[in-house]
């Protein structure tokens, strides 16, 4: 499981984050996180069985600004 710093580096590089990884850092169970995706509350891209959360959505969920990560 990637550390919080690794997740932030990925977001700063404008790369998507796996849903299960991000769920850990927003204090939701993976099941609750996936249900929120299905309800449309969280933007996600589905590739096969994997759900990826775009960088801008990851920032929203973590309460950070993407611009602040690049600085």
C-alpha atoms as a PDB file:
ATOM      1  CA  UNK A   1       0.000   0.000   0.000  1.00  0.00           C
ATOM      2  CA  UNK A   2       1.518   3.347  -1.011  1.00  0.00           C
ATOM      3  CA  UNK A   3       2.310   5.848   1.711  1.00  0.00           C
ATOM      4  CA  UNK A   4       0.533   9.196   1.922  1.00  0.00           C
ATOM      5  CA  UNK A   5       3.630  10.923   0.508  1.00  0.00           C
ATOM      6  CA  UNK A   6       3.663   8.538  -2.470  1.00  0.00           C
ATOM      7  CA  UNK A   7      -0.001   9.273  -3.117  1.00  0.00           C
ATOM      8  CA  UNK A   8       0.701  13.018  -3.032  1.00  0.00           C
ATOM      9  CA  UNK A   9       3.600  12.615  -5.480  1.00  0.00           C
ATOM     10  CA  UNK A  10       1.327  10.704  -7.838  1.00  0.00           C
ATOM     11  CA  UNK A  11      -1.339  13.412  -7.609  1.00  0.00           C
ATOM     12  CA  UNK A  12       1.266  16.169  -8.148  1.00  0.00           C
ATOM     13  CA  UNK A  13       2.287  14.372 -11.344  1.00  0.00           C
ATOM     14  CA  UNK A  14      -1.409  14.489 -12.375  1.00  0.00           C
ATOM     15  CA  UNK A  15      -1.707  10.711 -12.285  1.00  0.00           C
ATOM     16  CA  UNK A  16      -4.714   8.735 -11.119  1.00  0.00           C
ATOM     17  CA  UNK A  17      -4.823   6.851  -7.825  1.00  0.00           C
ATOM     18  CA  UNK A  18      -6.426   3.453  -7.227  1.00  0.00           C
ATOM     19  CA  UNK A  19      -9.715   3.673  -5.362  1.00  0.00           C
ATOM     20  CA  UNK A  20      -8.701   1.213  -2.643  1.00  0.00           C
ATOM     21  CA  UNK A  21      -5.537   3.211  -1.940  1.00  0.00           C
ATOM     22  CA  UNK A  22      -7.335   6.535  -1.747  1.00  0.00           C
ATOM     23  CA  UNK A  23     -10.095   5.087   0.452  1.00  0.00           C
ATOM     24  CA  UNK A  24      -7.508   4.496   3.161  1.00  0.00           C
ATOM     25  CA  UNK A  25      -6.417   8.143   3.183  1.00  0.00           C
ATOM     26  CA  UNK A  26      -9.937   9.611   3.251  1.00  0.00           C
ATOM     27  CA  UNK A  27     -10.939   7.410   6.209  1.00  0.00           C
ATOM     28  CA  UNK A  28     -13.538   5.337   4.382  1.00  0.00           C
ATOM     29  CA  UNK A  29     -13.724   1.592   4.099  1.00  0.00           C
ATOM     30  CA  UNK A  30     -13.116   0.352   0.568  1.00  0.00           C
ATOM     31  CA  UNK A  31     -16.746  -0.862   0.439  1.00  0.00           C
ATOM     32  CA  UNK A  32     -18.096   2.577   1.375  1.00  0.00           C
ATOM     33  CA  UNK A  33     -15.735   4.227  -1.111  1.00  0.00           C
ATOM     34  CA  UNK A  34     -16.886   1.969  -3.964  1.00  0.00           C
ATOM     35  CA  UNK A  35     -20.537   2.590  -3.068  1.00  0.00           C
ATOM     36  CA  UNK A  36     -19.905   6.349  -3.251  1.00  0.00           C
ATOM     37  CA  UNK A  37     -18.402   5.817  -6.714  1.00  0.00           C
ATOM     38  CA  UNK A  38     -21.473   3.857  -7.809  1.00  0.00           C
ATOM     39  CA  UNK A  39     -23.756   6.626  -6.490  1.00  0.00           C
ATOM     40  CA  UNK A  40     -21.794   9.173  -8.533  1.00  0.00           C
ATOM     41  CA  UNK A  41     -20.476  11.033  -5.479  1.00  0.00           C
ATOM     42  CA  UNK A  42     -16.876  10.259  -6.426  1.00  0.00           C
ATOM     43  CA  UNK A  43     -15.588  10.558  -9.990  1.00  0.00           C
ATOM     44  CA  UNK A  44     -13.784   7.440 -11.170  1.00  0.00           C
ATOM     45  CA  UNK A  45     -12.575   5.774 -14.337  1.00  0.00           C
ATOM     46  CA  UNK A  46     -13.109   2.047 -14.688  1.00  0.00           C
ATOM     47  CA  UNK A  47     -10.422   0.028 -16.429  1.00  0.00           C
ATOM     48  CA  UNK A  48     -11.244  -3.652 -16.258  1.00  0.00           C
ATOM     49  CA  UNK A  49     -12.028  -4.286 -12.593  1.00  0.00           C
ATOM     50  CA  UNK A  50      -9.870  -1.396 -11.400  1.00  0.00           C
ATOM     51  CA  UNK A  51     -11.327   1.967 -10.422  1.00  0.00           C
ATOM     52  CA  UNK A  52      -8.962   4.918 -10.808  1.00  0.00           C
ATOM     53  CA  UNK A  53      -9.600   8.294  -9.242  1.00  0.00           C
ATOM     54  CA  UNK A  54      -8.340  11.237 -11.341  1.00  0.00           C
ATOM     55  CA  UNK A  55      -5.820  13.569  -9.718  1.00  0.00           C
ATOM     56  CA  UNK A  56      -8.249  16.508  -9.491  1.00  0.00           C
ATOM     57  CA  UNK A  57     -10.852  14.331  -7.751  1.00  0.00           C
ATOM     58  CA  UNK A  58      -8.213  12.939  -5.381  1.00  0.00           C
ATOM     59  CA  UNK A  59      -7.336  16.505  -4.401  1.00  0.00           C
ATOM     60  CA  UNK A  60     -10.980  17.302  -3.726  1.00  0.00           C
ATOM     61  CA  UNK A  61     -11.379  14.240  -1.517  1.00  0.00           C
ATOM     62  CA  UNK A  62      -8.176  14.955   0.420  1.00  0.00           C
ATOM     63  CA  UNK A  63      -9.048  18.651   0.772  1.00  0.00           C
ATOM     64  CA  UNK A  64      -5.911  19.925  -0.940  1.00  0.00           C
ATOM     65  CA  UNK A  65      -5.203  22.074  -3.974  1.00  0.00           C
ATOM     66  CA  UNK A  66      -3.266  20.455  -6.782  1.00  0.00           C
ATOM     67  CA  UNK A  67      -1.400  23.723  -7.366  1.00  0.00           C
ATOM     68  CA  UNK A  68      -0.019  23.554  -3.818  1.00  0.00           C
ATOM     69  CA  UNK A  69       1.538  20.159  -4.524  1.00  0.00           C
ATOM     70  CA  UNK A  70       3.578  21.454  -7.452  1.00  0.00           C
ATOM     71  CA  UNK A  71       5.073  24.268  -5.395  1.00  0.00           C
END
